[in-house]
Amino acid sequence: MKRFWIHFKISHNPSENIGKSVLIINGAGGVGSIATQIAKRYGLTVITTASRQETTEWCEKMGADIVLNHKEDLVRQFKEKEIPLVDYIFCTYNTDLYYNTMIELIKPLGHITTIVAFNEDQDLNALKLKSITFTHEFMFARPIHRTPDMIKQHEYLEDITKNIESGHYQPTTTQVFEGLSPENLYQAHQLLEKQSMIGKLVINI
C-alpha cells in the first residue's frame, strides 16, 4: 500500500493534498481497509465501495468520506451524488469488471493502480484519450527480482507497523486462526470464497 501511494506521487503533507480524491474499490477488504486509512492520513477525500450495511459501516470506521454500493452502477452513483471525477483510483477487486468504469470516473491525467491481474483482454488504447497512467502493483516484485532497492519492501511494512502501534492506523485483522493446519486452511478458504470477509484474515503460525 505504501508503494502504491508513491506510484501516485501523493505528498505526505496533508495540506498539499487538499482537493485531491481517491476511489478505492472494495474498501472493506484487508487491503482496502489500510489503504483508506493511509489516504485519509495524507489528507485526500476518500471514496470507497461496499455493498452491505456492516461493510459500509466498516469503511466509514476506516475513514471513508463517501461509501458507494459496488453492486450498483458506480458511474450513476457519482452523477446522482454529484461527486467530481477523482484524481486516483485503487482497485483491489476484479480489474476486468471495473476497467471501463474506472476510465470513466478518473480525471484526465489521472492514475489508476490495481493489485488484481486481468483475466480478460482489455483495450489499453482506452486510456489514451485522458492520458491515464495505469499501474499494476505486486508487493513481491522487488524481492522476486532482487531489485537494487529491495530494502524498500521492509521499510514500507515497518512504516505501517509503526503507524498501527502509535494508533495512527487501526488494525484491520478481524479473523485469526491459530496454527497452520489443513482444517484451518480449509475454513479460511471457505470464508474468503464467500466474498463476505471484512478486514484481514490471519493464520497464526
N, C-alpha and C. Protein backbone atom coordinates (compact mmCIF):
# COMPACT_ATOMS: atom_id res chain seq x y z
N MET A 1 0.82 -1.20 0.00
CA MET A 1 0.00 0.00 0.00
C MET A 1 0.86 1.26 0.00
N LYS A 2 1.93 1.24 0.78
CA LYS A 2 2.80 2.41 0.85
C LYS A 2 3.40 2.71 -0.52
N ARG A 3 3.83 1.66 -1.21
CA ARG A 3 4.42 1.86 -2.52
C ARG A 3 3.36 2.37 -3.49
N PHE A 4 2.14 1.92 -3.30
CA PHE A 4 1.03 2.37 -4.15
C PHE A 4 0.88 3.88 -4.09
N TRP A 5 0.97 4.47 -2.88
CA TRP A 5 0.86 5.93 -2.76
C TRP A 5 2.05 6.62 -3.41
N ILE A 6 3.21 5.96 -3.39
CA ILE A 6 4.38 6.53 -4.05
C ILE A 6 4.18 6.53 -5.56
N HIS A 7 3.55 5.47 -6.10
CA HIS A 7 3.20 5.45 -7.52
C HIS A 7 2.38 6.68 -7.87
N PHE A 8 1.45 7.03 -7.00
CA PHE A 8 0.57 8.16 -7.23
C PHE A 8 1.26 9.51 -7.00
N LYS A 9 2.47 9.48 -6.44
CA LYS A 9 3.23 10.70 -6.14
C LYS A 9 2.42 11.63 -5.23
N ILE A 10 1.79 11.03 -4.23
CA ILE A 10 1.00 11.78 -3.27
C ILE A 10 1.90 12.31 -2.17
N SER A 11 1.78 13.59 -1.87
CA SER A 11 2.60 14.19 -0.82
C SER A 11 2.22 13.64 0.55
N HIS A 12 3.21 13.49 1.43
CA HIS A 12 2.94 13.08 2.80
C HIS A 12 2.39 14.24 3.63
N ASN A 13 2.41 15.43 3.05
CA ASN A 13 1.90 16.63 3.73
C ASN A 13 0.42 16.80 3.37
N PRO A 14 -0.49 16.57 4.32
CA PRO A 14 -1.93 16.64 4.01
C PRO A 14 -2.36 17.96 3.39
N SER A 15 -1.72 19.06 3.77
CA SER A 15 -2.13 20.37 3.24
C SER A 15 -1.90 20.48 1.73
N GLU A 16 -0.96 19.67 1.21
CA GLU A 16 -0.68 19.69 -0.22
C GLU A 16 -1.64 18.81 -1.01
N ASN A 17 -2.47 18.05 -0.31
CA ASN A 17 -3.41 17.15 -0.97
C ASN A 17 -4.85 17.63 -0.88
N ILE A 18 -5.04 18.84 -0.38
CA ILE A 18 -6.40 19.38 -0.27
C ILE A 18 -7.03 19.47 -1.66
N GLY A 19 -8.24 18.95 -1.79
CA GLY A 19 -8.94 18.97 -3.07
C GLY A 19 -8.70 17.75 -3.92
N LYS A 20 -7.76 16.88 -3.52
CA LYS A 20 -7.49 15.65 -4.27
C LYS A 20 -8.32 14.50 -3.71
N SER A 21 -8.67 13.57 -4.58
CA SER A 21 -9.55 12.48 -4.16
C SER A 21 -9.11 11.15 -4.72
N VAL A 22 -9.49 10.08 -4.02
CA VAL A 22 -9.18 8.72 -4.45
C VAL A 22 -10.41 7.85 -4.31
N LEU A 23 -10.63 6.99 -5.29
CA LEU A 23 -11.67 5.97 -5.23
C LEU A 23 -10.99 4.63 -4.96
N ILE A 24 -11.38 3.97 -3.87
CA ILE A 24 -10.84 2.66 -3.52
C ILE A 24 -11.95 1.64 -3.71
N ILE A 25 -11.77 0.76 -4.67
CA ILE A 25 -12.78 -0.25 -4.96
C ILE A 25 -12.59 -1.44 -4.04
N ASN A 26 -13.64 -1.77 -3.30
CA ASN A 26 -13.67 -2.79 -2.26
C ASN A 26 -12.94 -2.29 -1.01
N GLY A 27 -13.54 -1.30 -0.38
CA GLY A 27 -12.92 -0.65 0.76
C GLY A 27 -12.93 -1.44 2.05
N ALA A 28 -13.76 -2.49 2.14
CA ALA A 28 -13.87 -3.24 3.39
C ALA A 28 -12.94 -4.44 3.46
N GLY A 29 -12.22 -4.73 2.38
CA GLY A 29 -11.26 -5.82 2.40
C GLY A 29 -10.01 -5.44 3.18
N GLY A 30 -9.12 -6.40 3.35
CA GLY A 30 -7.91 -6.14 4.11
C GLY A 30 -7.05 -5.04 3.53
N VAL A 31 -6.85 -5.06 2.21
CA VAL A 31 -6.03 -4.04 1.55
C VAL A 31 -6.76 -2.71 1.52
N GLY A 32 -8.03 -2.74 1.14
CA GLY A 32 -8.81 -1.51 1.08
C GLY A 32 -8.91 -0.81 2.42
N SER A 33 -8.97 -1.59 3.49
CA SER A 33 -9.11 -1.01 4.83
C SER A 33 -7.90 -0.19 5.24
N ILE A 34 -6.70 -0.70 4.97
CA ILE A 34 -5.50 0.05 5.34
C ILE A 34 -5.23 1.17 4.34
N ALA A 35 -5.56 0.93 3.06
CA ALA A 35 -5.38 1.97 2.04
C ALA A 35 -6.24 3.19 2.35
N THR A 36 -7.45 2.95 2.83
CA THR A 36 -8.34 4.05 3.21
C THR A 36 -7.72 4.90 4.30
N GLN A 37 -7.13 4.24 5.29
CA GLN A 37 -6.53 4.97 6.41
C GLN A 37 -5.32 5.78 5.98
N ILE A 38 -4.50 5.19 5.10
CA ILE A 38 -3.32 5.91 4.61
C ILE A 38 -3.75 7.14 3.82
N ALA A 39 -4.73 6.96 2.93
CA ALA A 39 -5.21 8.08 2.10
C ALA A 39 -5.79 9.19 2.96
N LYS A 40 -6.54 8.80 3.97
CA LYS A 40 -7.16 9.79 4.86
C LYS A 40 -6.09 10.54 5.65
N ARG A 41 -5.08 9.82 6.10
CA ARG A 41 -3.99 10.45 6.87
C ARG A 41 -3.23 11.45 6.01
N TYR A 42 -3.17 11.19 4.71
CA TYR A 42 -2.48 12.10 3.79
C TYR A 42 -3.37 13.24 3.31
N GLY A 43 -4.61 13.30 3.80
CA GLY A 43 -5.46 14.45 3.52
C GLY A 43 -6.33 14.36 2.29
N LEU A 44 -6.44 13.18 1.68
CA LEU A 44 -7.28 13.04 0.50
C LEU A 44 -8.75 12.85 0.88
N THR A 45 -9.64 13.22 -0.02
CA THR A 45 -11.04 12.82 0.09
C THR A 45 -11.12 11.37 -0.36
N VAL A 46 -11.66 10.50 0.50
CA VAL A 46 -11.64 9.06 0.23
C VAL A 46 -13.04 8.56 -0.08
N ILE A 47 -13.18 8.00 -1.27
CA ILE A 47 -14.43 7.37 -1.69
C ILE A 47 -14.16 5.87 -1.79
N THR A 48 -14.94 5.07 -1.10
CA THR A 48 -14.75 3.62 -1.17
C THR A 48 -16.04 2.96 -1.62
N THR A 49 -15.96 1.65 -1.86
CA THR A 49 -17.16 0.90 -2.22
C THR A 49 -17.37 -0.26 -1.25
N ALA A 50 -18.62 -0.59 -1.05
CA ALA A 50 -19.03 -1.71 -0.22
C ALA A 50 -20.43 -2.10 -0.69
N SER A 51 -21.04 -3.12 -0.07
CA SER A 51 -22.37 -3.50 -0.54
C SER A 51 -23.34 -3.85 0.58
N ARG A 52 -22.83 -4.00 1.81
CA ARG A 52 -23.71 -4.36 2.91
C ARG A 52 -23.62 -3.30 4.00
N GLN A 53 -24.58 -3.31 4.90
CA GLN A 53 -24.60 -2.33 5.98
C GLN A 53 -23.34 -2.42 6.82
N GLU A 54 -22.94 -3.67 7.16
CA GLU A 54 -21.77 -3.84 8.02
C GLU A 54 -20.47 -3.45 7.33
N THR A 55 -20.39 -3.68 6.01
CA THR A 55 -19.17 -3.29 5.30
C THR A 55 -19.12 -1.78 5.07
N THR A 56 -20.29 -1.19 4.87
CA THR A 56 -20.36 0.27 4.75
C THR A 56 -19.91 0.93 6.04
N GLU A 57 -20.40 0.42 7.16
CA GLU A 57 -20.01 0.97 8.47
C GLU A 57 -18.52 0.78 8.72
N TRP A 58 -17.98 -0.36 8.28
CA TRP A 58 -16.55 -0.61 8.44
C TRP A 58 -15.73 0.41 7.65
N CYS A 59 -16.14 0.67 6.41
CA CYS A 59 -15.43 1.65 5.58
C CYS A 59 -15.45 3.03 6.22
N GLU A 60 -16.59 3.39 6.78
CA GLU A 60 -16.69 4.68 7.47
C GLU A 60 -15.79 4.71 8.70
N LYS A 61 -15.72 3.60 9.40
CA LYS A 61 -14.84 3.50 10.57
C LYS A 61 -13.37 3.66 10.16
N MET A 62 -13.01 3.15 8.98
CA MET A 62 -11.64 3.26 8.49
C MET A 62 -11.31 4.68 8.03
N GLY A 63 -12.35 5.50 7.84
CA GLY A 63 -12.11 6.89 7.47
C GLY A 63 -12.68 7.35 6.14
N ALA A 64 -13.46 6.49 5.47
CA ALA A 64 -14.02 6.87 4.17
C ALA A 64 -14.99 8.04 4.32
N ASP A 65 -14.88 9.00 3.41
CA ASP A 65 -15.80 10.14 3.40
C ASP A 65 -17.12 9.78 2.72
N ILE A 66 -17.03 8.97 1.68
CA ILE A 66 -18.21 8.54 0.93
C ILE A 66 -18.08 7.05 0.66
N VAL A 67 -19.17 6.31 0.85
CA VAL A 67 -19.18 4.87 0.55
C VAL A 67 -20.28 4.60 -0.47
N LEU A 68 -19.89 4.05 -1.62
CA LEU A 68 -20.83 3.72 -2.68
C LEU A 68 -21.07 2.22 -2.71
N ASN A 69 -22.16 1.82 -3.34
CA ASN A 69 -22.51 0.40 -3.45
C ASN A 69 -21.92 -0.17 -4.73
N HIS A 70 -20.94 -1.08 -4.60
CA HIS A 70 -20.31 -1.61 -5.80
C HIS A 70 -21.13 -2.68 -6.51
N LYS A 71 -22.30 -3.00 -5.98
CA LYS A 71 -23.20 -3.90 -6.69
C LYS A 71 -24.17 -3.12 -7.58
N GLU A 72 -24.06 -1.81 -7.52
CA GLU A 72 -24.85 -0.95 -8.38
C GLU A 72 -23.91 -0.14 -9.27
N ASP A 73 -24.47 0.55 -10.25
CA ASP A 73 -23.69 1.31 -11.23
C ASP A 73 -22.94 2.45 -10.54
N LEU A 74 -21.62 2.38 -10.54
CA LEU A 74 -20.83 3.41 -9.87
C LEU A 74 -20.88 4.75 -10.60
N VAL A 75 -20.90 4.71 -11.92
CA VAL A 75 -20.97 5.95 -12.69
C VAL A 75 -22.27 6.69 -12.38
N ARG A 76 -23.36 5.95 -12.31
CA ARG A 76 -24.66 6.56 -11.99
C ARG A 76 -24.64 7.16 -10.59
N GLN A 77 -24.03 6.44 -9.64
CA GLN A 77 -23.97 6.95 -8.27
C GLN A 77 -23.12 8.22 -8.17
N PHE A 78 -22.04 8.28 -8.95
CA PHE A 78 -21.23 9.50 -8.98
C PHE A 78 -22.08 10.69 -9.45
N LYS A 79 -22.87 10.45 -10.50
CA LYS A 79 -23.69 11.53 -11.06
C LYS A 79 -24.80 11.92 -10.10
N GLU A 80 -25.46 10.93 -9.50
CA GLU A 80 -26.57 11.22 -8.58
C GLU A 80 -26.10 12.00 -7.36
N LYS A 81 -24.92 11.66 -6.86
CA LYS A 81 -24.39 12.32 -5.66
C LYS A 81 -23.52 13.53 -6.00
N GLU A 82 -23.43 13.82 -7.31
CA GLU A 82 -22.65 14.96 -7.80
C GLU A 82 -21.20 14.91 -7.29
N ILE A 83 -20.62 13.71 -7.39
CA ILE A 83 -19.23 13.51 -6.99
C ILE A 83 -18.33 13.82 -8.19
N PRO A 84 -17.36 14.71 -8.05
CA PRO A 84 -16.46 15.01 -9.17
C PRO A 84 -15.59 13.80 -9.53
N LEU A 85 -15.08 13.80 -10.74
CA LEU A 85 -14.13 12.76 -11.14
C LEU A 85 -12.94 12.78 -10.19
N VAL A 86 -12.34 11.62 -9.97
CA VAL A 86 -11.28 11.50 -8.96
C VAL A 86 -9.89 11.58 -9.59
N ASP A 87 -8.91 11.93 -8.75
CA ASP A 87 -7.52 12.01 -9.20
C ASP A 87 -6.87 10.63 -9.29
N TYR A 88 -7.27 9.74 -8.37
CA TYR A 88 -6.64 8.42 -8.27
C TYR A 88 -7.71 7.35 -8.05
N ILE A 89 -7.43 6.17 -8.57
CA ILE A 89 -8.28 5.00 -8.31
C ILE A 89 -7.39 3.83 -7.92
N PHE A 90 -7.76 3.14 -6.86
CA PHE A 90 -7.05 1.95 -6.41
C PHE A 90 -8.05 0.79 -6.44
N CYS A 91 -7.81 -0.16 -7.31
CA CYS A 91 -8.71 -1.30 -7.49
C CYS A 91 -8.15 -2.53 -6.77
N THR A 92 -8.93 -3.08 -5.84
CA THR A 92 -8.49 -4.27 -5.11
C THR A 92 -9.38 -5.47 -5.40
N TYR A 93 -10.24 -5.34 -6.44
CA TYR A 93 -11.14 -6.45 -6.75
C TYR A 93 -11.54 -6.40 -8.22
N ASN A 94 -11.34 -7.50 -8.94
CA ASN A 94 -11.85 -7.72 -10.30
C ASN A 94 -11.60 -6.53 -11.24
N THR A 95 -10.37 -6.40 -11.66
CA THR A 95 -10.00 -5.31 -12.55
C THR A 95 -10.78 -5.34 -13.85
N ASP A 96 -11.04 -6.53 -14.38
CA ASP A 96 -11.80 -6.65 -15.63
C ASP A 96 -13.19 -6.02 -15.49
N LEU A 97 -13.85 -6.31 -14.38
CA LEU A 97 -15.21 -5.82 -14.16
C LEU A 97 -15.27 -4.30 -14.10
N TYR A 98 -14.24 -3.69 -13.51
CA TYR A 98 -14.28 -2.25 -13.26
C TYR A 98 -13.42 -1.43 -14.23
N TYR A 99 -12.79 -2.08 -15.19
CA TYR A 99 -11.84 -1.39 -16.06
C TYR A 99 -12.45 -0.17 -16.75
N ASN A 100 -13.54 -0.37 -17.48
CA ASN A 100 -14.15 0.74 -18.20
C ASN A 100 -14.77 1.77 -17.26
N THR A 101 -15.30 1.29 -16.14
CA THR A 101 -15.86 2.20 -15.14
C THR A 101 -14.78 3.11 -14.58
N MET A 102 -13.61 2.54 -14.28
CA MET A 102 -12.51 3.34 -13.74
C MET A 102 -12.06 4.41 -14.74
N ILE A 103 -12.01 4.05 -16.00
CA ILE A 103 -11.61 5.01 -17.03
C ILE A 103 -12.61 6.16 -17.09
N GLU A 104 -13.88 5.85 -16.89
CA GLU A 104 -14.92 6.88 -16.94
C GLU A 104 -14.87 7.80 -15.72
N LEU A 105 -14.46 7.26 -14.55
CA LEU A 105 -14.52 8.03 -13.31
C LEU A 105 -13.22 8.77 -12.97
N ILE A 106 -12.15 8.50 -13.71
CA ILE A 106 -10.87 9.15 -13.42
C ILE A 106 -10.77 10.49 -14.15
N LYS A 107 -10.09 11.44 -13.55
CA LYS A 107 -9.84 12.72 -14.20
C LYS A 107 -8.85 12.56 -15.36
N PRO A 108 -8.85 13.47 -16.31
CA PRO A 108 -7.76 13.49 -17.29
C PRO A 108 -6.42 13.60 -16.56
N LEU A 109 -5.43 12.86 -17.02
CA LEU A 109 -4.09 12.78 -16.42
C LEU A 109 -4.11 12.08 -15.07
N GLY A 110 -5.20 11.37 -14.77
CA GLY A 110 -5.30 10.64 -13.51
C GLY A 110 -4.49 9.36 -13.51
N HIS A 111 -4.48 8.69 -12.38
CA HIS A 111 -3.65 7.49 -12.19
C HIS A 111 -4.49 6.38 -11.59
N ILE A 112 -4.51 5.24 -12.27
CA ILE A 112 -5.21 4.05 -11.79
C ILE A 112 -4.17 2.99 -11.43
N THR A 113 -4.32 2.39 -10.26
CA THR A 113 -3.47 1.27 -9.85
C THR A 113 -4.35 0.10 -9.45
N THR A 114 -3.94 -1.09 -9.84
CA THR A 114 -4.67 -2.30 -9.44
C THR A 114 -3.70 -3.33 -8.88
N ILE A 115 -4.20 -4.15 -7.97
CA ILE A 115 -3.40 -5.28 -7.46
C ILE A 115 -3.96 -6.60 -7.97
N VAL A 116 -4.96 -6.51 -8.86
CA VAL A 116 -5.65 -7.71 -9.36
C VAL A 116 -5.36 -7.87 -10.84
N ALA A 117 -4.81 -9.01 -11.23
CA ALA A 117 -4.43 -9.26 -12.61
C ALA A 117 -5.66 -9.35 -13.52
N PHE A 118 -5.47 -8.98 -14.78
CA PHE A 118 -6.52 -9.17 -15.78
C PHE A 118 -6.72 -10.66 -16.06
N ASN A 119 -7.95 -11.05 -16.26
CA ASN A 119 -8.26 -12.40 -16.73
C ASN A 119 -8.83 -12.38 -18.15
N GLU A 120 -9.07 -11.18 -18.65
CA GLU A 120 -9.61 -11.00 -19.99
C GLU A 120 -8.75 -9.97 -20.73
N ASP A 121 -8.88 -9.96 -22.05
CA ASP A 121 -8.18 -8.95 -22.84
C ASP A 121 -8.86 -7.60 -22.65
N GLN A 122 -8.06 -6.55 -22.42
CA GLN A 122 -8.59 -5.21 -22.26
C GLN A 122 -7.89 -4.26 -23.24
N ASP A 123 -8.60 -3.23 -23.63
CA ASP A 123 -8.08 -2.27 -24.60
C ASP A 123 -7.30 -1.16 -23.89
N LEU A 124 -5.98 -1.22 -23.96
CA LEU A 124 -5.16 -0.18 -23.33
C LEU A 124 -5.29 1.16 -24.04
N ASN A 125 -5.73 1.15 -25.30
CA ASN A 125 -5.94 2.40 -26.01
C ASN A 125 -7.04 3.25 -25.38
N ALA A 126 -7.91 2.60 -24.59
CA ALA A 126 -8.99 3.33 -23.92
C ALA A 126 -8.44 4.33 -22.90
N LEU A 127 -7.18 4.14 -22.49
CA LEU A 127 -6.56 5.04 -21.53
C LEU A 127 -6.04 6.32 -22.18
N LYS A 128 -5.92 6.30 -23.51
CA LYS A 128 -5.20 7.37 -24.21
C LYS A 128 -5.91 8.72 -24.18
N LEU A 129 -7.23 8.73 -24.38
CA LEU A 129 -7.95 9.99 -24.52
C LEU A 129 -7.77 10.91 -23.31
N LYS A 130 -7.68 10.31 -22.12
CA LYS A 130 -7.48 11.10 -20.90
C LYS A 130 -6.02 11.10 -20.45
N SER A 131 -5.13 10.47 -21.21
CA SER A 131 -3.72 10.32 -20.80
C SER A 131 -3.63 9.73 -19.40
N ILE A 132 -4.32 8.63 -19.20
CA ILE A 132 -4.38 7.98 -17.89
C ILE A 132 -3.14 7.11 -17.69
N THR A 133 -2.55 7.20 -16.52
CA THR A 133 -1.47 6.29 -16.13
C THR A 133 -2.09 5.07 -15.46
N PHE A 134 -1.72 3.88 -15.93
CA PHE A 134 -2.26 2.64 -15.37
C PHE A 134 -1.11 1.78 -14.86
N THR A 135 -1.18 1.38 -13.60
CA THR A 135 -0.09 0.64 -12.96
C THR A 135 -0.59 -0.65 -12.35
N HIS A 136 0.10 -1.75 -12.65
CA HIS A 136 -0.11 -3.00 -11.91
C HIS A 136 0.87 -3.01 -10.74
N GLU A 137 0.37 -3.32 -9.56
CA GLU A 137 1.23 -3.36 -8.36
C GLU A 137 1.29 -4.78 -7.81
N PHE A 138 2.50 -5.24 -7.56
CA PHE A 138 2.71 -6.56 -6.95
C PHE A 138 3.74 -6.40 -5.84
N MET A 139 3.34 -6.64 -4.61
CA MET A 139 4.19 -6.31 -3.47
C MET A 139 5.50 -7.09 -3.42
N PHE A 140 5.55 -8.26 -4.07
CA PHE A 140 6.77 -9.06 -4.02
C PHE A 140 7.65 -8.89 -5.25
N ALA A 141 7.35 -7.90 -6.10
CA ALA A 141 8.15 -7.70 -7.31
C ALA A 141 9.61 -7.43 -6.97
N ARG A 142 9.85 -6.62 -5.95
CA ARG A 142 11.23 -6.30 -5.57
C ARG A 142 12.01 -7.53 -5.11
N PRO A 143 11.51 -8.28 -4.10
CA PRO A 143 12.30 -9.44 -3.66
C PRO A 143 12.43 -10.53 -4.71
N ILE A 144 11.39 -10.75 -5.51
CA ILE A 144 11.46 -11.79 -6.54
C ILE A 144 12.56 -11.47 -7.55
N HIS A 145 12.63 -10.21 -7.95
CA HIS A 145 13.60 -9.81 -8.98
C HIS A 145 14.87 -9.21 -8.39
N ARG A 146 14.93 -9.20 -7.04
CA ARG A 146 16.12 -8.73 -6.34
C ARG A 146 16.58 -7.37 -6.88
N THR A 147 15.65 -6.43 -6.89
CA THR A 147 15.96 -5.09 -7.38
C THR A 147 16.91 -4.38 -6.41
N PRO A 148 17.65 -3.38 -6.90
CA PRO A 148 18.61 -2.68 -6.03
C PRO A 148 17.96 -2.02 -4.81
N ASP A 149 16.69 -1.66 -4.94
CA ASP A 149 16.00 -1.01 -3.81
C ASP A 149 15.11 -2.00 -3.05
N MET A 150 15.51 -3.26 -3.03
CA MET A 150 14.70 -4.30 -2.41
C MET A 150 14.37 -4.00 -0.94
N ILE A 151 15.24 -3.27 -0.26
CA ILE A 151 15.02 -2.94 1.16
C ILE A 151 13.76 -2.11 1.36
N LYS A 152 13.27 -1.47 0.29
CA LYS A 152 12.06 -0.66 0.40
C LYS A 152 10.88 -1.49 0.89
N GLN A 153 10.84 -2.76 0.49
CA GLN A 153 9.77 -3.65 0.94
C GLN A 153 9.70 -3.66 2.47
N HIS A 154 10.85 -3.80 3.10
CA HIS A 154 10.93 -3.80 4.56
C HIS A 154 10.54 -2.43 5.13
N GLU A 155 11.01 -1.38 4.49
CA GLU A 155 10.74 -0.02 5.00
C GLU A 155 9.26 0.32 4.96
N TYR A 156 8.57 -0.09 3.89
CA TYR A 156 7.14 0.20 3.78
C TYR A 156 6.35 -0.52 4.87
N LEU A 157 6.68 -1.81 5.07
CA LEU A 157 5.97 -2.59 6.09
C LEU A 157 6.27 -2.06 7.49
N GLU A 158 7.51 -1.65 7.70
CA GLU A 158 7.90 -1.10 9.00
C GLU A 158 7.14 0.20 9.29
N ASP A 159 6.95 1.01 8.26
CA ASP A 159 6.24 2.27 8.42
C ASP A 159 4.78 2.03 8.83
N ILE A 160 4.13 1.06 8.18
CA ILE A 160 2.74 0.75 8.52
C ILE A 160 2.66 0.20 9.94
N THR A 161 3.62 -0.67 10.30
CA THR A 161 3.64 -1.23 11.66
C THR A 161 3.74 -0.12 12.71
N LYS A 162 4.63 0.83 12.48
CA LYS A 162 4.81 1.94 13.44
C LYS A 162 3.54 2.76 13.56
N ASN A 163 2.86 2.99 12.46
CA ASN A 163 1.64 3.79 12.49
C ASN A 163 0.49 3.06 13.19
N ILE A 164 0.47 1.73 13.07
CA ILE A 164 -0.54 0.96 13.81
C ILE A 164 -0.23 0.98 15.30
N GLU A 165 1.04 0.76 15.64
CA GLU A 165 1.43 0.73 17.05
C GLU A 165 1.26 2.09 17.72
N SER A 166 1.40 3.17 16.95
CA SER A 166 1.25 4.51 17.52
C SER A 166 -0.21 4.96 17.56
N GLY A 167 -1.09 4.16 16.95
CA GLY A 167 -2.51 4.49 16.97
C GLY A 167 -2.98 5.35 15.81
N HIS A 168 -2.09 5.67 14.87
CA HIS A 168 -2.49 6.46 13.71
C HIS A 168 -3.36 5.64 12.76
N TYR A 169 -3.06 4.34 12.66
CA TYR A 169 -3.89 3.44 11.85
C TYR A 169 -4.54 2.42 12.77
N GLN A 170 -5.77 2.04 12.43
CA GLN A 170 -6.45 0.99 13.18
C GLN A 170 -6.05 -0.38 12.62
N PRO A 171 -5.88 -1.39 13.47
CA PRO A 171 -5.64 -2.74 12.96
C PRO A 171 -6.83 -3.19 12.10
N THR A 172 -6.55 -3.96 11.08
CA THR A 172 -7.62 -4.40 10.17
C THR A 172 -7.92 -5.89 10.27
N THR A 173 -7.21 -6.60 11.16
CA THR A 173 -7.44 -8.03 11.33
C THR A 173 -8.75 -8.27 12.07
N THR A 174 -9.62 -9.07 11.50
CA THR A 174 -10.92 -9.36 12.13
C THR A 174 -11.12 -10.86 12.38
N GLN A 175 -10.25 -11.69 11.82
CA GLN A 175 -10.40 -13.14 11.98
C GLN A 175 -9.01 -13.77 12.09
N VAL A 176 -8.79 -14.57 13.14
CA VAL A 176 -7.50 -15.22 13.35
C VAL A 176 -7.70 -16.71 13.58
N PHE A 177 -6.96 -17.52 12.84
CA PHE A 177 -6.92 -18.97 13.06
C PHE A 177 -5.56 -19.31 13.68
N GLU A 178 -5.58 -20.10 14.72
CA GLU A 178 -4.33 -20.48 15.39
C GLU A 178 -3.79 -21.78 14.82
N GLY A 179 -2.62 -21.71 14.19
CA GLY A 179 -1.96 -22.90 13.68
C GLY A 179 -2.20 -23.15 12.20
N LEU A 180 -1.13 -23.54 11.50
CA LEU A 180 -1.22 -23.85 10.08
C LEU A 180 -1.58 -25.32 9.92
N SER A 181 -2.85 -25.59 9.75
CA SER A 181 -3.34 -26.96 9.64
C SER A 181 -4.28 -27.05 8.44
N PRO A 182 -4.51 -28.27 7.91
CA PRO A 182 -5.46 -28.42 6.80
C PRO A 182 -6.85 -27.90 7.16
N GLU A 183 -7.26 -28.12 8.41
CA GLU A 183 -8.59 -27.67 8.83
C GLU A 183 -8.69 -26.14 8.80
N ASN A 184 -7.66 -25.48 9.34
CA ASN A 184 -7.68 -24.02 9.35
C ASN A 184 -7.59 -23.43 7.95
N LEU A 185 -6.77 -24.05 7.11
CA LEU A 185 -6.67 -23.59 5.73
C LEU A 185 -8.01 -23.73 5.01
N TYR A 186 -8.69 -24.84 5.27
CA TYR A 186 -9.99 -25.07 4.63
C TYR A 186 -11.01 -24.04 5.10
N GLN A 187 -11.08 -23.82 6.42
CA GLN A 187 -12.04 -22.86 6.96
C GLN A 187 -11.75 -21.44 6.48
N ALA A 188 -10.46 -21.09 6.44
CA ALA A 188 -10.09 -19.76 5.97
C ALA A 188 -10.47 -19.58 4.51
N HIS A 189 -10.21 -20.61 3.72
CA HIS A 189 -10.54 -20.55 2.29
C HIS A 189 -12.04 -20.44 2.08
N GLN A 190 -12.80 -21.15 2.89
CA GLN A 190 -14.26 -21.09 2.79
C GLN A 190 -14.77 -19.68 3.08
N LEU A 191 -14.19 -19.05 4.08
CA LEU A 191 -14.59 -17.68 4.42
C LEU A 191 -14.30 -16.72 3.27
N LEU A 192 -13.13 -16.86 2.67
CA LEU A 192 -12.76 -15.98 1.57
C LEU A 192 -13.61 -16.23 0.34
N GLU A 193 -13.96 -17.49 0.10
CA GLU A 193 -14.77 -17.84 -1.06
C GLU A 193 -16.17 -17.24 -0.98
N LYS A 194 -16.66 -17.02 0.22
CA LYS A 194 -17.99 -16.41 0.39
C LYS A 194 -18.00 -14.94 -0.01
N GLN A 195 -16.80 -14.34 -0.13
CA GLN A 195 -16.64 -12.95 -0.53
C GLN A 195 -17.41 -12.00 0.40
N SER A 196 -17.44 -12.36 1.66
CA SER A 196 -18.13 -11.51 2.65
C SER A 196 -17.20 -11.12 3.79
N MET A 197 -15.91 -11.42 3.63
CA MET A 197 -14.93 -11.14 4.67
C MET A 197 -14.73 -9.64 4.83
N ILE A 198 -14.67 -9.19 6.07
CA ILE A 198 -14.36 -7.80 6.38
C ILE A 198 -12.96 -7.74 6.99
N GLY A 199 -12.14 -6.81 6.51
CA GLY A 199 -10.79 -6.69 7.04
C GLY A 199 -9.91 -7.85 6.62
N LYS A 200 -8.93 -8.15 7.47
CA LYS A 200 -7.89 -9.13 7.14
C LYS A 200 -8.08 -10.42 7.92
N LEU A 201 -7.88 -11.53 7.24
CA LEU A 201 -7.88 -12.85 7.87
C LEU A 201 -6.44 -13.29 8.04
N VAL A 202 -6.12 -13.81 9.24
CA VAL A 202 -4.74 -14.21 9.55
C VAL A 202 -4.71 -15.64 10.05
N ILE A 203 -3.75 -16.42 9.55
CA ILE A 203 -3.45 -17.73 10.13
C ILE A 203 -2.15 -17.58 10.92
N ASN A 204 -2.25 -17.72 12.22
CA ASN A 204 -1.11 -17.52 13.11
C ASN A 204 -0.29 -18.80 13.18
N ILE A 205 0.95 -18.75 12.70
CA ILE A 205 1.80 -19.94 12.67
C ILE A 205 2.65 -20.00 13.93
